[in-house]
Amino acid sequence: MKVLLLYFLIINVLEFIIAGYDKFLARKKKRRIPENTLFFLALIGGTIGLLTAMLIFRHKTAKTSFILKFVGIILIQIIVIYLKINHKI
């Protein structure tokens, strides 16, 4: 259990840092972090890190397509957790 908590801590901190760095790059008009990278990290457990970065840095909050994809990832995670709790996977 401690390993799992450590994993989620690391992946969320990493996601938060990368999203913050992407916002920094956007302000400097430099080459950005691909959205697929942000989505992949969110999908593998960095959802809270990305959500926190979006709120603190106001990052990608005006981009509807990004928000819809992010909500889709959250819904997938909720379904997987629900099925896991009910022993269906």
C-alpha atoms as a PDB file:
ATOM      1  CA  MET A   1       0.000   0.000   0.000  1.00  0.00           C
ATOM      2  CA  LYS A   2       2.878   2.389   0.801  1.00  0.00           C
ATOM      3  CA  VAL A   3       4.356   1.754  -2.647  1.00  0.00           C
ATOM      4  CA  LEU A   4       1.056   2.685  -4.304  1.00  0.00           C
ATOM      5  CA  LEU A   5       0.763   5.895  -2.280  1.00  0.00           C
ATOM      6  CA  LEU A   6       4.362   6.791  -3.116  1.00  0.00           C
ATOM      7  CA  TYR A   7       3.652   6.149  -6.799  1.00  0.00           C
ATOM      8  CA  PHE A   8       0.612   8.462  -6.778  1.00  0.00           C
ATOM      9  CA  LEU A   9       2.548  11.147  -4.920  1.00  0.00           C
ATOM     10  CA  ILE A  10       5.406  11.025  -7.440  1.00  0.00           C
ATOM     11  CA  ILE A  11       3.192  10.926 -10.555  1.00  0.00           C
ATOM     12  CA  ASN A  12       1.041  13.832  -9.329  1.00  0.00           C
ATOM     13  CA  VAL A  13       4.018  15.991  -8.381  1.00  0.00           C
ATOM     14  CA  LEU A  14       5.587  15.206 -11.774  1.00  0.00           C
ATOM     15  CA  GLU A  15       2.359  16.070 -13.591  1.00  0.00           C
ATOM     16  CA  PHE A  16       2.026  19.323 -11.641  1.00  0.00           C
ATOM     17  CA  ILE A  17       5.618  20.343 -12.458  1.00  0.00           C
ATOM     18  CA  ILE A  18       5.309  19.465 -16.147  1.00  0.00           C
ATOM     19  CA  ALA A  19       2.004  21.337 -16.507  1.00  0.00           C
ATOM     20  CA  GLY A  20       3.514  24.347 -14.727  1.00  0.00           C
ATOM     21  CA  TYR A  21       6.557  24.196 -16.995  1.00  0.00           C
ATOM     22  CA  ASP A  22       4.262  24.025 -20.035  1.00  0.00           C
ATOM     23  CA  LYS A  23       2.507  27.188 -18.840  1.00  0.00           C
ATOM     24  CA  PHE A  24       5.927  28.837 -18.444  1.00  0.00           C
ATOM     25  CA  LEU A  25       6.839  27.815 -22.006  1.00  0.00           C
ATOM     26  CA  ALA A  26       3.514  29.171 -23.279  1.00  0.00           C
ATOM     27  CA  ARG A  27       4.182  32.555 -21.712  1.00  0.00           C
ATOM     28  CA  LYS A  28       7.650  32.626 -23.290  1.00  0.00           C
ATOM     29  CA  LYS A  29       6.200  31.640 -26.695  1.00  0.00           C
ATOM     30  CA  LYS A  30       8.454  28.574 -26.810  1.00  0.00           C
ATOM     31  CA  ARG A  31       7.861  25.000 -27.917  1.00  0.00           C
ATOM     32  CA  ARG A  32       5.286  23.374 -25.628  1.00  0.00           C
ATOM     33  CA  ILE A  33       4.828  20.037 -23.894  1.00  0.00           C
ATOM     34  CA  PRO A  34       2.502  17.897 -26.068  1.00  0.00           C
ATOM     35  CA  GLU A  35      -1.036  17.610 -24.698  1.00  0.00           C
ATOM     36  CA  ASN A  36      -0.799  13.843 -25.124  1.00  0.00           C
ATOM     37  CA  THR A  37       2.016  13.827 -22.556  1.00  0.00           C
ATOM     38  CA  LEU A  38      -0.160  15.690 -20.063  1.00  0.00           C
ATOM     39  CA  PHE A  39      -3.083  13.359 -20.773  1.00  0.00           C
ATOM     40  CA  PHE A  40      -0.947  10.220 -20.470  1.00  0.00           C
ATOM     41  CA  LEU A  41       0.400  11.277 -17.078  1.00  0.00           C
ATOM     42  CA  ALA A  42      -3.132  12.096 -15.940  1.00  0.00           C
ATOM     43  CA  LEU A  43      -4.393   8.725 -17.168  1.00  0.00           C
ATOM     44  CA  ILE A  44      -1.748   6.789 -15.241  1.00  0.00           C
ATOM     45  CA  GLY A  45      -2.580   8.546 -11.998  1.00  0.00           C
ATOM     46  CA  GLY A  46      -1.644  12.219 -12.278  1.00  0.00           C
ATOM     47  CA  THR A  47      -5.187  13.556 -12.423  1.00  0.00           C
ATOM     48  CA  ILE A  48      -4.956  15.482  -9.171  1.00  0.00           C
ATOM     49  CA  GLY A  49      -1.614  16.996 -10.196  1.00  0.00           C
ATOM     50  CA  LEU A  50      -3.000  18.205 -13.518  1.00  0.00           C
ATOM     51  CA  LEU A  51      -6.197  19.537 -11.956  1.00  0.00           C
ATOM     52  CA  THR A  52      -4.190  21.402  -9.332  1.00  0.00           C
ATOM     53  CA  ALA A  53      -1.898  22.873 -11.999  1.00  0.00           C
ATOM     54  CA  MET A  54      -4.897  23.918 -14.081  1.00  0.00           C
ATOM     55  CA  LEU A  55      -6.378  25.774 -11.110  1.00  0.00           C
ATOM     56  CA  ILE A  56      -3.180  27.333  -9.750  1.00  0.00           C
ATOM     57  CA  PHE A  57      -1.554  28.285 -13.075  1.00  0.00           C
ATOM     58  CA  ARG A  58      -4.857  28.822 -14.922  1.00  0.00           C
ATOM     59  CA  HIS A  59      -3.436  26.436 -17.468  1.00  0.00           C
ATOM     60  CA  LYS A  60      -5.602  25.154 -20.325  1.00  0.00           C
ATOM     61  CA  THR A  61      -8.752  26.322 -18.517  1.00  0.00           C
ATOM     62  CA  ALA A  62     -10.054  28.191 -21.577  1.00  0.00           C
ATOM     63  CA  LYS A  63      -9.443  25.329 -23.995  1.00  0.00           C
ATOM     64  CA  THR A  64     -12.722  23.403 -24.203  1.00  0.00           C
ATOM     65  CA  SER A  65     -11.289  20.428 -26.089  1.00  0.00           C
ATOM     66  CA  PHE A  66      -8.608  19.953 -23.423  1.00  0.00           C
ATOM     67  CA  ILE A  67     -11.136  20.128 -20.602  1.00  0.00           C
ATOM     68  CA  LEU A  68     -13.457  17.629 -22.329  1.00  0.00           C
ATOM     69  CA  LYS A  69     -10.615  15.148 -22.836  1.00  0.00           C
ATOM     70  CA  PHE A  70      -9.510  15.629 -19.235  1.00  0.00           C
ATOM     71  CA  VAL A  71     -13.051  15.003 -17.973  1.00  0.00           C
ATOM     72  CA  GLY A  72     -13.114  11.885 -20.157  1.00  0.00           C
ATOM     73  CA  ILE A  73      -9.980  10.608 -18.402  1.00  0.00           C
ATOM     74  CA  ILE A  74     -11.563  11.287 -15.012  1.00  0.00           C
ATOM     75  CA  LEU A  75     -14.700   9.381 -16.032  1.00  0.00           C
ATOM     76  CA  ILE A  76     -12.608   6.427 -17.214  1.00  0.00           C
ATOM     77  CA  GLN A  77     -10.771   6.397 -13.887  1.00  0.00           C
ATOM     78  CA  ILE A  78     -14.050   6.525 -11.941  1.00  0.00           C
ATOM     79  CA  ILE A  79     -15.426   3.592 -13.945  1.00  0.00           C
ATOM     80  CA  VAL A  80     -12.255   1.538 -13.448  1.00  0.00           C
ATOM     81  CA  ILE A  81     -12.262   2.223  -9.698  1.00  0.00           C
ATOM     82  CA  TYR A  82     -15.965   1.356  -9.468  1.00  0.00           C
ATOM     83  CA  LEU A  83     -15.468  -1.910 -11.333  1.00  0.00           C
ATOM     84  CA  LYS A  84     -12.409  -2.757  -9.260  1.00  0.00           C
ATOM     85  CA  ILE A  85     -14.254  -2.147  -5.996  1.00  0.00           C
ATOM     86  CA  ASN A  86     -17.086  -4.363  -7.180  1.00  0.00           C
ATOM     87  CA  HIS A  87     -14.595  -7.063  -8.304  1.00  0.00           C
ATOM     88  CA  LYS A  88     -15.656  -6.942 -11.922  1.00  0.00           C
ATOM     89  CA  ILE A  89     -12.092  -6.490 -13.168  1.00  0.00           C
END
